[in-house]
Amino acid sequence: MPSLLENSTDEIRENLEKLWNEFKKSAGEVVLVQNPEEMKKEGGLFDFFSGGFSGNKKGTKIAFLYERSVETSTWAYAHELGRNYIQEKYSEAVETKAFENCNTDEKVEEAIKEAVSWGANLLFTTAPSMAQESIKAALQYPEVEILNCSVNTAYNSIRTYYGRMYEAKFLMGALAASITDGNDLGYVEQFPLYGTLSNINAFAIGAQFINPWSKVHLSWSGIEGADWKSEFQEKGIATISGPEFAKPFEKSREFGVYISSDGEVQSNIAVSFYNWGKYYELILQSFLEGSYHTSSLAKSHSALNYYYGLKEGVLEVILSRNLSYSSRKLVSILKKEIIDGNLLPFSGEIHSQCEKIHSEGAGSLEMDEIVDMRWLNDNVVGEIPPLKSIYKRITGGDSFRRVSDMKILCIADEENKGLWDHFQKEKLEGIDLILSAGDLNPDYLQFLVTMGRAPLLYVHGNHDESYAFKPPLGCVSVEDKVYDYRGLRILGSRAVPPGISRENICIRKRTCSGVFRR
């Protein structure tokens, strides 16, 4: 990044405005954009006399960053299909390029740098783990628009995008219950990340919708020693909801909703998946026509999170040709009702395993309640695993690392001279995350996040008045917010609840949540 002295006055002003917007966003509004119409360009006098934007930005270059390779990751493979769709449909207007195996912060940084050198002016980082490097890059390369594939994040300098997969899972649950002899269904999930629990609960509620006595047996494939196939086989569970995709170039039928017997797949019933090509097309259209920057939402300081679903065509449901016409009709009717807004999976009376969540006749849960769901429906047999049992996939192979083994540097009250005045880079090596509990010089925080490779999250202390006009740049305020870092959820709170010790991180049992408070 060029030094401040090398920048023009206009460039300095623009960068300061971006930093200020990011700071304002740290305590501001997160907007979940659920309809592409909300991002339409608003007409004005210029549009009236000029006839509007031509809608064709020739020479647009789009870069896609994948955490793993297309050959080894179903997630990367799905996004690659989306990239190919865009390249083929908009071949005269855009050029695309993929960067694989961006599975460390250093590799993400290098891939972004290479993409910018290539000339990318639109960049998609397709994994939540790339969010932090995406934010840094947005400040470093203000001419590039960067979007990260995640949801409900409070970043102003980048936008995020994700899908309402729970809508499709509701359909899958209803279908599974309708074709099952008995009441027991199986559901396999890897980790309890953002959106995962809403998918599980929507599937369970959909099954309940058809069969009030249905039970959804939940198994986590990311748990140490997990053997969900044997577990379901021993319980005699034949109807199973597995991953959305089979592994690329691997002959496996264990995906979607399928019927199994003696551990072998007998019939694939249905599959729900993301249509990333359609999603990228919606975003690209707004970029090419100019509304990406000119809509009222784009001009606000809100953190924009695209959150599209069945109605927008970014989710697909494919049914087996062997299904009866009545099963097809069931899914078709329910799908239409969801698209028309008449059927909301999380409306009306809802019970968790512990308590009533929603009352009879009530409208739908708020969208942020759905995204940040932390409970299981009352017909789910299973639990949200304790933090220590969760593994985090970190490389393109089959190696794992415990989230509970993450190295976190906790700082508060006094600046450590060994980390500042007498700094040695090796002191921060191996640190995954830095948490500041307040009352520290903002320059100290900026120094640590600059010299280290780890993101820094902070809350205000009792004496941090300077943060109001001099926020620690490059750091993320998590005050009164939940922040998801590689599967670890952290709640930042300035006030200390009664009976809770100060400057402490407390892991809640069974919720995979960290509580970070001053």
Protein backbone atom coordinates (compact mmCIF):
# COMPACT_ATOMS: atom_id res chain seq x y z
CA MET A 1 0.00 0.00 0.00
CA PRO A 2 1.46 3.42 -0.90
CA SER A 3 2.37 5.73 1.95
CA LEU A 4 0.12 8.61 2.96
CA LEU A 5 2.55 11.11 1.41
CA GLU A 6 2.18 9.46 -2.00
CA ASN A 7 -1.62 9.86 -2.04
CA SER A 8 -3.41 12.86 -3.48
CA THR A 9 -5.78 14.94 -1.37
CA ASP A 10 -8.78 13.32 -3.05
CA GLU A 11 -7.40 9.83 -2.40
CA ILE A 12 -6.78 10.64 1.27
CA ARG A 13 -10.30 12.03 1.60
CA GLU A 14 -11.80 8.95 -0.04
CA ASN A 15 -9.85 6.55 2.18
CA LEU A 16 -10.75 8.50 5.32
CA GLU A 17 -14.41 8.42 4.33
CA LYS A 18 -14.24 4.63 3.90
CA LEU A 19 -12.59 4.24 7.32
CA TRP A 20 -15.15 6.54 8.92
CA ASN A 21 -18.02 4.65 7.33
CA GLU A 22 -16.57 1.39 8.63
CA PHE A 23 -16.34 2.84 12.12
CA LYS A 24 -19.89 4.14 12.00
CA LYS A 25 -21.01 0.73 10.85
CA SER A 26 -19.39 -0.96 13.85
CA ALA A 27 -22.36 0.09 15.97
CA GLY A 28 -24.92 0.63 13.25
CA GLU A 29 -27.49 -1.25 11.21
CA VAL A 30 -27.06 -4.52 9.35
CA VAL A 31 -29.47 -4.70 6.41
CA LEU A 32 -30.47 -8.12 5.05
CA VAL A 33 -31.46 -7.41 1.44
CA GLN A 34 -34.03 -10.07 0.57
CA ASN A 35 -35.28 -8.73 -2.75
CA PRO A 36 -33.18 -7.58 -5.76
CA GLU A 37 -35.75 -4.83 -6.34
CA GLU A 38 -34.48 -3.12 -3.19
CA MET A 39 -31.19 -2.53 -4.99
CA LYS A 40 -32.73 -1.03 -8.13
CA LYS A 41 -31.36 2.29 -9.31
CA GLU A 42 -33.56 5.23 -8.37
CA GLY A 43 -34.44 7.55 -11.22
CA GLY A 44 -33.54 11.24 -11.09
CA LEU A 45 -33.31 14.26 -13.36
CA PHE A 46 -30.10 12.97 -14.91
CA ASP A 47 -31.71 9.63 -15.77
CA PHE A 48 -34.80 11.40 -17.15
CA PHE A 49 -32.84 13.52 -19.61
CA SER A 50 -30.09 11.02 -20.40
CA GLY A 51 -32.26 7.93 -20.75
CA GLY A 52 -30.43 6.20 -17.90
CA PHE A 53 -27.35 4.04 -17.79
CA SER A 54 -26.51 2.00 -20.88
CA GLY A 55 -26.26 -1.20 -18.82
CA ASN A 56 -23.05 -2.56 -20.33
CA LYS A 57 -19.71 -2.01 -18.62
CA LYS A 58 -17.38 -3.66 -21.09
CA GLY A 59 -14.06 -4.80 -19.72
CA THR A 60 -15.43 -5.88 -16.32
CA LYS A 61 -13.08 -8.39 -14.74
CA ILE A 62 -14.37 -10.64 -11.96
CA ALA A 63 -12.20 -12.71 -9.64
CA PHE A 64 -13.43 -15.67 -7.56
CA LEU A 65 -11.46 -16.93 -4.55
CA TYR A 66 -12.06 -20.52 -3.37
CA GLU A 67 -10.92 -21.85 0.00
CA ARG A 68 -10.11 -25.24 -1.51
CA SER A 69 -9.73 -26.75 -4.95
CA VAL A 70 -12.63 -27.47 -7.29
CA GLU A 71 -11.60 -31.14 -7.38
CA THR A 72 -11.77 -31.65 -3.60
CA SER A 73 -14.51 -29.30 -2.37
CA THR A 74 -18.23 -29.44 -3.17
CA TRP A 75 -18.51 -25.80 -2.04
CA ALA A 76 -15.79 -24.61 -4.40
CA TYR A 77 -17.21 -26.77 -7.19
CA ALA A 78 -20.68 -25.18 -6.78
CA HIS A 79 -19.20 -21.67 -7.00
CA GLU A 80 -17.12 -22.71 -10.00
CA LEU A 81 -20.32 -23.73 -11.78
CA GLY A 82 -21.62 -20.24 -11.02
CA ARG A 83 -18.48 -18.63 -12.42
CA ASN A 84 -18.73 -20.69 -15.61
CA TYR A 85 -22.37 -19.63 -16.02
CA ILE A 86 -21.44 -15.95 -15.74
CA GLN A 87 -18.50 -16.31 -18.10
CA GLU A 88 -20.63 -18.01 -20.74
CA LYS A 89 -23.70 -15.75 -20.49
CA TYR A 90 -21.79 -12.45 -20.30
CA SER A 91 -18.78 -13.42 -22.40
CA GLU A 92 -18.83 -10.13 -24.35
CA ALA A 93 -19.01 -7.94 -21.25
CA VAL A 94 -16.98 -9.72 -18.56
CA GLU A 95 -13.90 -11.83 -18.02
CA THR A 96 -13.57 -14.12 -15.00
CA LYS A 97 -10.71 -15.83 -13.21
CA ALA A 98 -10.63 -18.34 -10.34
CA PHE A 99 -8.06 -18.62 -7.54
CA GLU A 100 -8.09 -21.95 -5.70
CA ASN A 101 -6.74 -23.18 -2.33
CA CYS A 102 -6.96 -19.82 -0.58
CA ASN A 103 -7.04 -21.55 2.81
CA THR A 104 -4.84 -19.23 4.90
CA ASP A 105 -4.87 -15.47 5.45
CA GLU A 106 -1.55 -15.20 3.63
CA LYS A 107 -2.88 -17.08 0.59
CA VAL A 108 -6.05 -14.99 0.53
CA GLU A 109 -4.00 -11.79 0.69
CA GLU A 110 -1.72 -12.97 -2.12
CA ALA A 111 -4.66 -14.07 -4.30
CA ILE A 112 -6.40 -10.72 -3.86
CA LYS A 113 -3.18 -8.92 -4.74
CA GLU A 114 -2.79 -11.06 -7.87
CA ALA A 115 -6.45 -10.49 -8.82
CA VAL A 116 -6.06 -6.73 -8.51
CA SER A 117 -2.89 -6.83 -10.61
CA TRP A 118 -4.84 -8.81 -13.21
CA GLY A 119 -7.33 -5.93 -13.33
CA ALA A 120 -10.26 -7.27 -11.32
CA ASN A 121 -12.84 -4.63 -10.45
CA LEU A 122 -15.31 -7.08 -8.87
CA LEU A 123 -14.10 -9.76 -6.47
CA PHE A 124 -15.96 -12.60 -4.72
CA THR A 125 -14.37 -14.31 -1.71
CA THR A 126 -16.46 -17.45 -1.36
CA ALA A 127 -15.88 -18.47 2.29
CA PRO A 128 -16.62 -16.70 5.61
CA SER A 129 -13.01 -17.32 6.70
CA MET A 130 -11.89 -14.83 4.03
CA ALA A 131 -13.92 -11.95 5.48
CA GLN A 132 -11.11 -10.36 7.49
CA GLU A 133 -8.69 -10.25 4.56
CA SER A 134 -11.53 -8.98 2.36
CA ILE A 135 -12.03 -6.00 4.69
CA LYS A 136 -8.33 -5.17 4.67
CA ALA A 137 -8.25 -5.42 0.88
CA ALA A 138 -11.31 -3.17 0.52
CA LEU A 139 -9.45 -0.40 2.33
CA GLN A 140 -6.26 -1.07 0.40
CA TYR A 141 -7.93 -1.27 -3.03
CA PRO A 142 -10.92 1.11 -2.88
CA GLU A 143 -11.41 0.86 -6.65
CA VAL A 144 -12.33 -2.85 -6.33
CA GLU A 145 -15.77 -3.99 -5.16
CA ILE A 146 -15.43 -6.98 -2.81
CA LEU A 147 -18.18 -9.34 -1.68
CA ASN A 148 -17.79 -12.16 0.85
CA CYS A 149 -19.98 -15.26 0.96
CA SER A 150 -21.32 -15.02 4.52
CA VAL A 151 -24.32 -13.53 6.28
CA ASN A 152 -25.30 -11.06 9.00
CA THR A 153 -21.93 -9.33 9.23
CA ALA A 154 -21.51 -5.67 10.13
CA TYR A 155 -19.02 -4.52 7.48
CA ASN A 156 -19.52 -1.35 5.49
CA SER A 157 -16.44 -1.62 3.27
CA ILE A 158 -17.54 -4.96 1.75
CA ARG A 159 -20.88 -6.60 1.04
CA THR A 160 -21.88 -10.16 1.83
CA TYR A 161 -24.18 -12.66 0.13
CA TYR A 162 -25.84 -15.89 1.20
CA GLY A 163 -29.05 -17.83 0.62
CA ARG A 164 -32.19 -18.60 2.60
CA MET A 165 -31.52 -22.32 2.33
CA TYR A 166 -33.93 -22.97 5.19
CA GLU A 167 -36.80 -22.42 2.71
CA ALA A 168 -35.65 -25.36 0.59
CA LYS A 169 -34.93 -27.46 3.69
CA PHE A 170 -38.54 -26.98 4.80
CA LEU A 171 -39.64 -28.52 1.51
CA MET A 172 -37.15 -31.37 1.91
CA GLY A 173 -38.45 -32.11 5.42
CA ALA A 174 -42.05 -32.17 4.29
CA LEU A 175 -41.20 -34.46 1.36
CA ALA A 176 -39.10 -36.80 3.53
CA ALA A 177 -41.92 -37.19 6.07
CA SER A 178 -44.45 -37.87 3.33
CA ILE A 179 -42.55 -40.84 1.86
CA THR A 180 -41.27 -42.42 5.10
CA ASP A 181 -42.74 -45.52 6.69
CA GLY A 182 -42.74 -44.62 10.36
CA ASN A 183 -41.71 -41.42 12.10
CA ASP A 184 -37.89 -41.40 12.07
CA LEU A 185 -35.72 -39.32 9.73
CA GLY A 186 -31.96 -38.77 9.68
CA TYR A 187 -30.19 -35.46 9.18
CA VAL A 188 -26.43 -35.08 8.71
CA GLU A 189 -24.65 -31.75 9.21
CA GLN A 190 -20.96 -30.95 9.57
CA PHE A 191 -20.71 -27.97 11.95
CA PRO A 192 -23.16 -25.63 13.74
CA LEU A 193 -22.21 -22.52 11.75
CA TYR A 194 -24.33 -19.52 10.68
CA GLY A 195 -27.46 -20.74 8.92
CA THR A 196 -26.92 -24.39 9.84
CA LEU A 197 -29.39 -24.51 12.72
CA SER A 198 -32.10 -22.72 10.76
CA ASN A 199 -31.70 -25.34 8.02
CA ILE A 200 -32.02 -28.19 10.53
CA ASN A 201 -35.04 -26.64 12.24
CA ALA A 202 -36.78 -25.81 8.96
CA PHE A 203 -36.36 -29.43 7.85
CA ALA A 204 -37.78 -30.60 11.20
CA ILE A 205 -40.72 -28.18 11.06
CA GLY A 206 -41.44 -29.21 7.47
CA ALA A 207 -41.52 -32.86 8.57
CA GLN A 208 -43.80 -31.92 11.48
CA PHE A 209 -46.06 -30.09 9.03
CA ILE A 210 -46.80 -33.42 7.31
CA ASN A 211 -46.41 -35.81 10.24
CA PRO A 212 -46.84 -34.31 13.74
CA TRP A 213 -45.13 -37.39 15.26
CA SER A 214 -42.01 -37.20 13.09
CA LYS A 215 -38.60 -37.29 14.75
CA VAL A 216 -35.43 -35.92 13.11
CA HIS A 217 -32.30 -37.67 14.37
CA LEU A 218 -29.39 -35.22 14.08
CA SER A 219 -25.79 -36.32 13.59
CA TRP A 220 -22.72 -34.06 13.24
CA SER A 221 -20.15 -35.39 10.78
CA GLY A 222 -17.50 -32.91 11.98
CA ILE A 223 -17.38 -34.36 15.48
CA GLU A 224 -14.37 -36.44 16.50
CA GLY A 225 -15.10 -40.11 15.98
CA ALA A 226 -18.48 -39.46 14.36
CA ASP A 227 -19.94 -42.38 12.42
CA TRP A 228 -23.38 -41.22 11.37
CA LYS A 229 -23.85 -44.04 8.85
CA SER A 230 -23.51 -46.71 11.52
CA GLU A 231 -25.62 -44.65 13.93
CA PHE A 232 -28.53 -44.38 11.52
CA GLN A 233 -28.19 -48.01 10.45
CA GLU A 234 -28.37 -49.20 14.06
CA LYS A 235 -31.49 -47.10 14.64
CA GLY A 236 -33.10 -48.44 11.48
CA ILE A 237 -33.38 -44.98 9.92
CA ALA A 238 -33.80 -45.25 6.16
CA THR A 239 -34.71 -41.72 5.02
CA ILE A 240 -31.70 -39.42 5.37
CA SER A 241 -30.91 -35.81 4.51
CA GLY A 242 -27.23 -35.61 3.57
CA PRO A 243 -24.96 -32.94 1.99
CA GLU A 244 -26.33 -30.84 -0.88
CA PHE A 245 -23.66 -32.14 -3.27
CA ALA A 246 -21.62 -35.29 -3.67
CA LYS A 247 -17.88 -34.68 -3.76
CA PRO A 248 -16.72 -33.59 -7.23
CA PHE A 249 -15.54 -36.43 -9.47
CA GLU A 250 -16.45 -38.96 -6.77
CA LYS A 251 -19.08 -41.62 -7.40
CA SER A 252 -21.31 -41.21 -4.37
CA ARG A 253 -25.07 -41.10 -3.99
CA GLU A 254 -25.06 -39.91 -0.38
CA PHE A 255 -26.40 -36.42 -1.03
CA GLY A 256 -29.74 -34.67 -0.78
CA VAL A 257 -32.65 -36.68 0.62
CA TYR A 258 -32.21 -40.38 -0.07
CA ILE A 259 -33.41 -43.81 1.01
CA SER A 260 -30.81 -46.13 2.51
CA SER A 261 -30.90 -49.83 3.34
CA ASP A 262 -28.14 -51.69 5.19
CA GLY A 263 -25.87 -48.66 4.73
CA GLU A 264 -26.33 -48.53 0.95
CA VAL A 265 -28.23 -45.85 -0.98
CA GLN A 266 -31.27 -47.37 -2.65
CA SER A 267 -32.84 -44.27 -4.13
CA ASN A 268 -32.12 -40.54 -4.34
CA ILE A 269 -35.36 -38.67 -3.67
CA ALA A 270 -34.57 -34.96 -3.96
CA VAL A 271 -31.78 -32.45 -3.65
CA SER A 272 -31.72 -28.76 -2.76
CA PHE A 273 -28.74 -26.62 -3.68
CA TYR A 274 -27.52 -23.09 -4.34
CA ASN A 275 -27.75 -21.79 -7.90
CA TRP A 276 -24.70 -19.56 -7.60
CA GLY A 277 -24.85 -18.72 -11.29
CA LYS A 278 -28.22 -17.01 -10.78
CA TYR A 279 -26.96 -15.33 -7.61
CA TYR A 280 -23.89 -13.94 -9.36
CA GLU A 281 -26.04 -12.84 -12.26
CA LEU A 282 -28.31 -10.77 -9.99
CA ILE A 283 -25.32 -9.03 -8.42
CA LEU A 284 -23.57 -8.56 -11.76
CA GLN A 285 -26.68 -7.04 -13.36
CA SER A 286 -26.86 -4.37 -10.67
CA PHE A 287 -23.15 -3.71 -11.15
CA LEU A 288 -23.41 -3.40 -14.93
CA GLU A 289 -26.52 -1.22 -14.90
CA GLY A 290 -25.12 1.11 -12.25
CA SER A 291 -27.59 0.48 -9.40
CA TYR A 292 -24.89 -1.29 -7.37
CA HIS A 293 -23.63 2.15 -6.35
CA THR A 294 -26.65 4.41 -6.86
CA SER A 295 -29.58 2.79 -5.01
CA SER A 296 -30.66 4.37 -1.73
CA LEU A 297 -29.34 1.37 0.20
CA ALA A 298 -26.00 1.59 -1.57
CA LYS A 299 -25.70 5.24 -0.58
CA SER A 300 -26.47 4.53 3.08
CA HIS A 301 -23.90 3.60 5.70
CA SER A 302 -25.66 0.28 6.30
CA ALA A 303 -23.81 -3.01 6.07
CA LEU A 304 -25.47 -4.70 3.11
CA ASN A 305 -26.00 -8.45 3.26
CA TYR A 306 -27.71 -10.00 0.23
CA TYR A 307 -29.98 -12.78 1.52
CA TYR A 308 -31.94 -14.23 -1.40
CA GLY A 309 -34.04 -17.38 -1.58
CA LEU A 310 -36.49 -19.44 -3.63
CA LYS A 311 -38.37 -16.42 -4.96
CA GLU A 312 -35.19 -14.92 -6.41
CA GLY A 313 -34.20 -18.23 -8.04
CA VAL A 314 -30.91 -18.66 -6.19
CA LEU A 315 -32.06 -21.95 -4.64
CA GLU A 316 -33.04 -25.01 -6.64
CA VAL A 317 -35.00 -28.11 -5.70
CA ILE A 318 -34.68 -31.13 -8.00
CA LEU A 319 -37.01 -34.10 -7.53
CA SER A 320 -36.43 -37.68 -8.59
CA ARG A 321 -38.31 -38.82 -11.67
CA ASN A 322 -39.35 -41.87 -9.67
CA LEU A 323 -41.41 -39.83 -7.22
CA SER A 324 -45.17 -40.18 -7.44
CA TYR A 325 -47.20 -37.35 -8.93
CA SER A 326 -48.74 -36.70 -5.49
CA SER A 327 -45.28 -36.13 -3.92
CA ARG A 328 -44.36 -33.78 -6.75
CA LYS A 329 -47.64 -31.95 -6.29
CA LEU A 330 -47.00 -31.58 -2.55
CA VAL A 331 -43.60 -29.96 -3.09
CA SER A 332 -44.94 -27.76 -5.91
CA ILE A 333 -47.78 -26.39 -3.77
CA LEU A 334 -45.58 -25.71 -0.74
CA LYS A 335 -42.89 -24.10 -2.88
CA LYS A 336 -45.40 -21.77 -4.53
CA GLU A 337 -46.80 -20.76 -1.13
CA ILE A 338 -43.30 -19.90 0.12
CA ILE A 339 -42.49 -17.91 -3.03
CA ASP A 340 -45.80 -16.03 -2.78
CA GLY A 341 -45.10 -15.22 0.87
CA ASN A 342 -48.12 -17.14 2.17
CA LEU A 343 -46.09 -19.84 3.91
CA LEU A 344 -43.31 -18.81 6.28
CA PRO A 345 -41.45 -21.78 7.81
CA PHE A 346 -40.78 -20.00 11.11
CA SER A 347 -44.23 -18.52 11.72
CA GLY A 348 -46.91 -19.58 14.17
CA GLU A 349 -46.37 -21.71 17.26
CA ILE A 350 -42.83 -23.09 17.54
CA HIS A 351 -41.28 -25.08 20.37
CA SER A 352 -37.60 -25.71 20.99
CA GLN A 353 -36.36 -28.69 22.97
CA CYS A 354 -36.58 -26.52 26.11
CA GLU A 355 -39.31 -23.89 25.71
CA LYS A 356 -41.93 -22.25 23.54
CA ILE A 357 -40.19 -20.00 21.01
CA HIS A 358 -43.18 -18.51 19.20
CA SER A 359 -46.90 -18.30 19.97
CA GLU A 360 -49.85 -19.51 17.92
CA GLY A 361 -50.95 -16.98 15.33
CA ALA A 362 -47.70 -15.01 15.53
CA GLY A 363 -45.93 -13.86 12.39
CA SER A 364 -42.55 -15.10 11.31
CA LEU A 365 -39.42 -14.82 13.41
CA GLU A 366 -37.32 -11.80 12.46
CA MET A 367 -34.69 -12.49 9.84
CA ASP A 368 -31.79 -11.91 12.23
CA GLU A 369 -33.38 -14.39 14.67
CA ILE A 370 -33.43 -16.97 11.89
CA VAL A 371 -29.84 -16.32 10.81
CA ASP A 372 -28.49 -16.41 14.38
CA MET A 373 -30.63 -19.31 15.59
CA ARG A 374 -29.21 -21.21 18.60
CA TRP A 375 -31.85 -23.78 19.45
CA LEU A 376 -33.24 -27.03 18.07
CA ASN A 377 -36.89 -27.76 17.32
CA ASP A 378 -38.71 -30.02 19.77
CA ASN A 379 -38.87 -32.95 17.32
CA VAL A 380 -35.08 -33.00 16.79
CA VAL A 381 -33.30 -35.87 18.53
CA GLY A 382 -29.78 -34.64 19.22
CA GLU A 383 -27.99 -31.60 20.53
CA ILE A 384 -25.76 -28.73 19.53
CA PRO A 385 -22.30 -30.15 20.22
CA PRO A 386 -20.02 -28.69 22.90
CA LEU A 387 -17.23 -26.50 21.58
CA LYS A 388 -14.41 -28.88 22.54
CA SER A 389 -15.77 -31.62 20.28
CA ILE A 390 -15.92 -29.54 17.10
CA TYR A 391 -13.21 -29.80 14.51
CA LYS A 392 -12.34 -27.14 11.97
CA ARG A 393 -11.29 -28.17 8.46
CA ILE A 394 -8.30 -25.96 7.64
CA THR A 395 -6.58 -27.36 4.56
CA GLY A 396 -7.39 -28.95 1.23
CA GLY A 397 -6.70 -32.42 2.64
CA ASP A 398 -8.38 -34.25 5.48
CA SER A 399 -6.49 -32.57 8.32
CA PHE A 400 -8.41 -30.89 11.13
CA ARG A 401 -7.77 -28.58 14.03
CA ARG A 402 -9.86 -28.21 17.17
CA VAL A 403 -11.58 -24.86 17.47
CA SER A 404 -10.92 -25.21 21.19
CA ASP A 405 -7.17 -25.31 20.42
CA MET A 406 -7.34 -21.85 18.86
CA LYS A 407 -4.72 -19.50 20.34
CA ILE A 408 -6.34 -16.28 21.55
CA LEU A 409 -4.41 -13.30 22.90
CA CYS A 410 -6.49 -11.42 25.51
CA ILE A 411 -5.47 -7.87 26.39
CA ALA A 412 -6.91 -5.16 28.67
CA ASP A 413 -6.13 -2.10 30.82
CA GLU A 414 -2.36 -1.78 30.26
CA GLU A 415 -0.23 -1.78 27.11
CA ASN A 416 2.38 -4.52 27.22
CA LYS A 417 5.82 -3.07 26.47
CA GLY A 418 7.01 -6.43 25.24
CA LEU A 419 4.38 -6.30 22.52
CA TRP A 420 4.85 -2.61 21.71
CA ASP A 421 8.04 -0.81 22.71
CA HIS A 422 10.20 -3.93 22.45
CA PHE A 423 8.22 -5.73 19.78
CA GLN A 424 9.49 -8.95 18.23
CA LYS A 425 7.41 -10.49 15.46
CA GLU A 426 7.74 -14.03 16.76
CA LYS A 427 5.75 -13.04 19.88
CA LEU A 428 2.59 -12.89 17.76
CA GLU A 429 3.31 -15.99 15.68
CA GLY A 430 0.65 -18.66 16.06
CA ILE A 431 -1.94 -16.23 17.46
CA ASP A 432 -5.31 -16.86 15.78
CA LEU A 433 -7.33 -14.06 17.37
CA ILE A 434 -6.78 -11.00 19.59
CA LEU A 435 -9.48 -9.86 22.04
CA SER A 436 -9.28 -6.46 23.70
CA ALA A 437 -11.45 -5.91 26.79
CA GLY A 438 -10.93 -2.13 26.79
CA ASP A 439 -9.01 0.75 28.33
CA LEU A 440 -6.16 0.50 25.81
CA ASN A 441 -4.57 3.07 23.53
CA PRO A 442 -6.13 2.78 20.04
CA ASP A 443 -2.64 3.13 18.55
CA TYR A 444 -1.63 0.02 20.49
CA LEU A 445 -4.51 -1.96 19.00
CA GLN A 446 -3.70 -0.70 15.50
CA PHE A 447 -0.07 -1.71 16.00
CA LEU A 448 -0.96 -5.27 17.04
CA VAL A 449 -3.38 -5.85 14.16
CA THR A 450 -0.86 -4.42 11.69
CA MET A 451 2.18 -6.34 12.90
CA GLY A 452 0.33 -9.59 13.53
CA ARG A 453 -1.70 -11.74 11.15
CA ALA A 454 -4.69 -12.18 13.50
CA PRO A 455 -7.89 -10.11 13.52
CA LEU A 456 -8.50 -7.97 16.61
CA LEU A 457 -11.93 -7.67 18.22
CA TYR A 458 -12.60 -5.10 20.91
CA VAL A 459 -15.15 -3.60 23.28
CA HIS A 460 -14.96 -0.21 24.96
CA GLY A 461 -13.65 0.06 28.51
CA ASN A 462 -14.76 2.57 31.13
CA HIS A 463 -12.09 5.07 30.03
CA ASP A 464 -12.15 4.71 26.25
CA GLU A 465 -13.62 8.09 25.37
CA SER A 466 -10.99 8.55 22.65
CA TYR A 467 -12.49 5.71 20.60
CA ALA A 468 -15.39 8.00 19.66
CA PHE A 469 -13.15 10.24 17.54
CA LYS A 470 -10.13 7.97 17.09
CA PRO A 471 -11.26 4.37 16.59
CA PRO A 472 -8.54 1.70 16.28
CA LEU A 473 -8.37 1.26 12.51
CA GLY A 474 -8.24 -2.27 11.16
CA CYS A 475 -9.93 -3.61 14.30
CA VAL A 476 -13.53 -4.75 14.69
CA SER A 477 -15.88 -3.50 17.42
CA VAL A 478 -18.04 -6.36 18.70
CA GLU A 479 -19.84 -4.35 21.35
CA ASP A 480 -23.40 -5.65 21.81
CA LYS A 481 -22.93 -7.94 18.81
CA VAL A 482 -22.26 -11.58 18.07
CA TYR A 483 -19.16 -12.14 15.94
CA ASP A 484 -18.51 -15.46 14.23
CA TYR A 485 -14.82 -16.27 13.82
CA ARG A 486 -14.14 -19.63 12.17
CA GLY A 487 -17.04 -21.29 13.97
CA LEU A 488 -16.41 -19.61 17.36
CA ARG A 489 -19.23 -17.21 18.22
CA ILE A 490 -18.23 -14.32 20.44
CA LEU A 491 -20.65 -11.94 22.15
CA GLY A 492 -19.15 -8.56 23.05
CA SER A 493 -20.73 -6.61 25.90
CA ARG A 494 -19.52 -3.43 27.56
CA ALA A 495 -21.79 -3.81 30.58
CA VAL A 496 -21.05 -6.60 33.05
CA PRO A 497 -24.09 -8.76 33.87
CA PRO A 498 -24.68 -9.32 37.60
CA GLY A 499 -22.64 -12.15 39.06
CA ILE A 500 -20.28 -12.40 36.06
CA SER A 501 -16.57 -11.82 36.54
CA ARG A 502 -14.90 -9.13 34.45
CA GLU A 503 -12.45 -9.53 31.59
CA ASN A 504 -13.44 -13.09 30.94
CA ILE A 505 -14.36 -15.31 28.07
CA CYS A 506 -17.02 -17.81 29.02
CA ILE A 507 -17.98 -20.64 26.69
CA ARG A 508 -21.67 -21.53 26.91
CA LYS A 509 -22.31 -25.23 27.06
CA ARG A 510 -24.11 -26.79 24.08
CA THR A 511 -24.37 -23.54 22.11
CA CYS A 512 -20.86 -23.22 20.67
CA SER A 513 -20.88 -19.57 21.70
CA GLY A 514 -18.22 -17.42 23.28
CA VAL A 515 -19.18 -14.52 25.56
CA PHE A 516 -16.70 -11.67 25.50
CA ARG A 517 -17.35 -8.93 28.00
CA ARG A 518 -15.68 -6.07 29.76
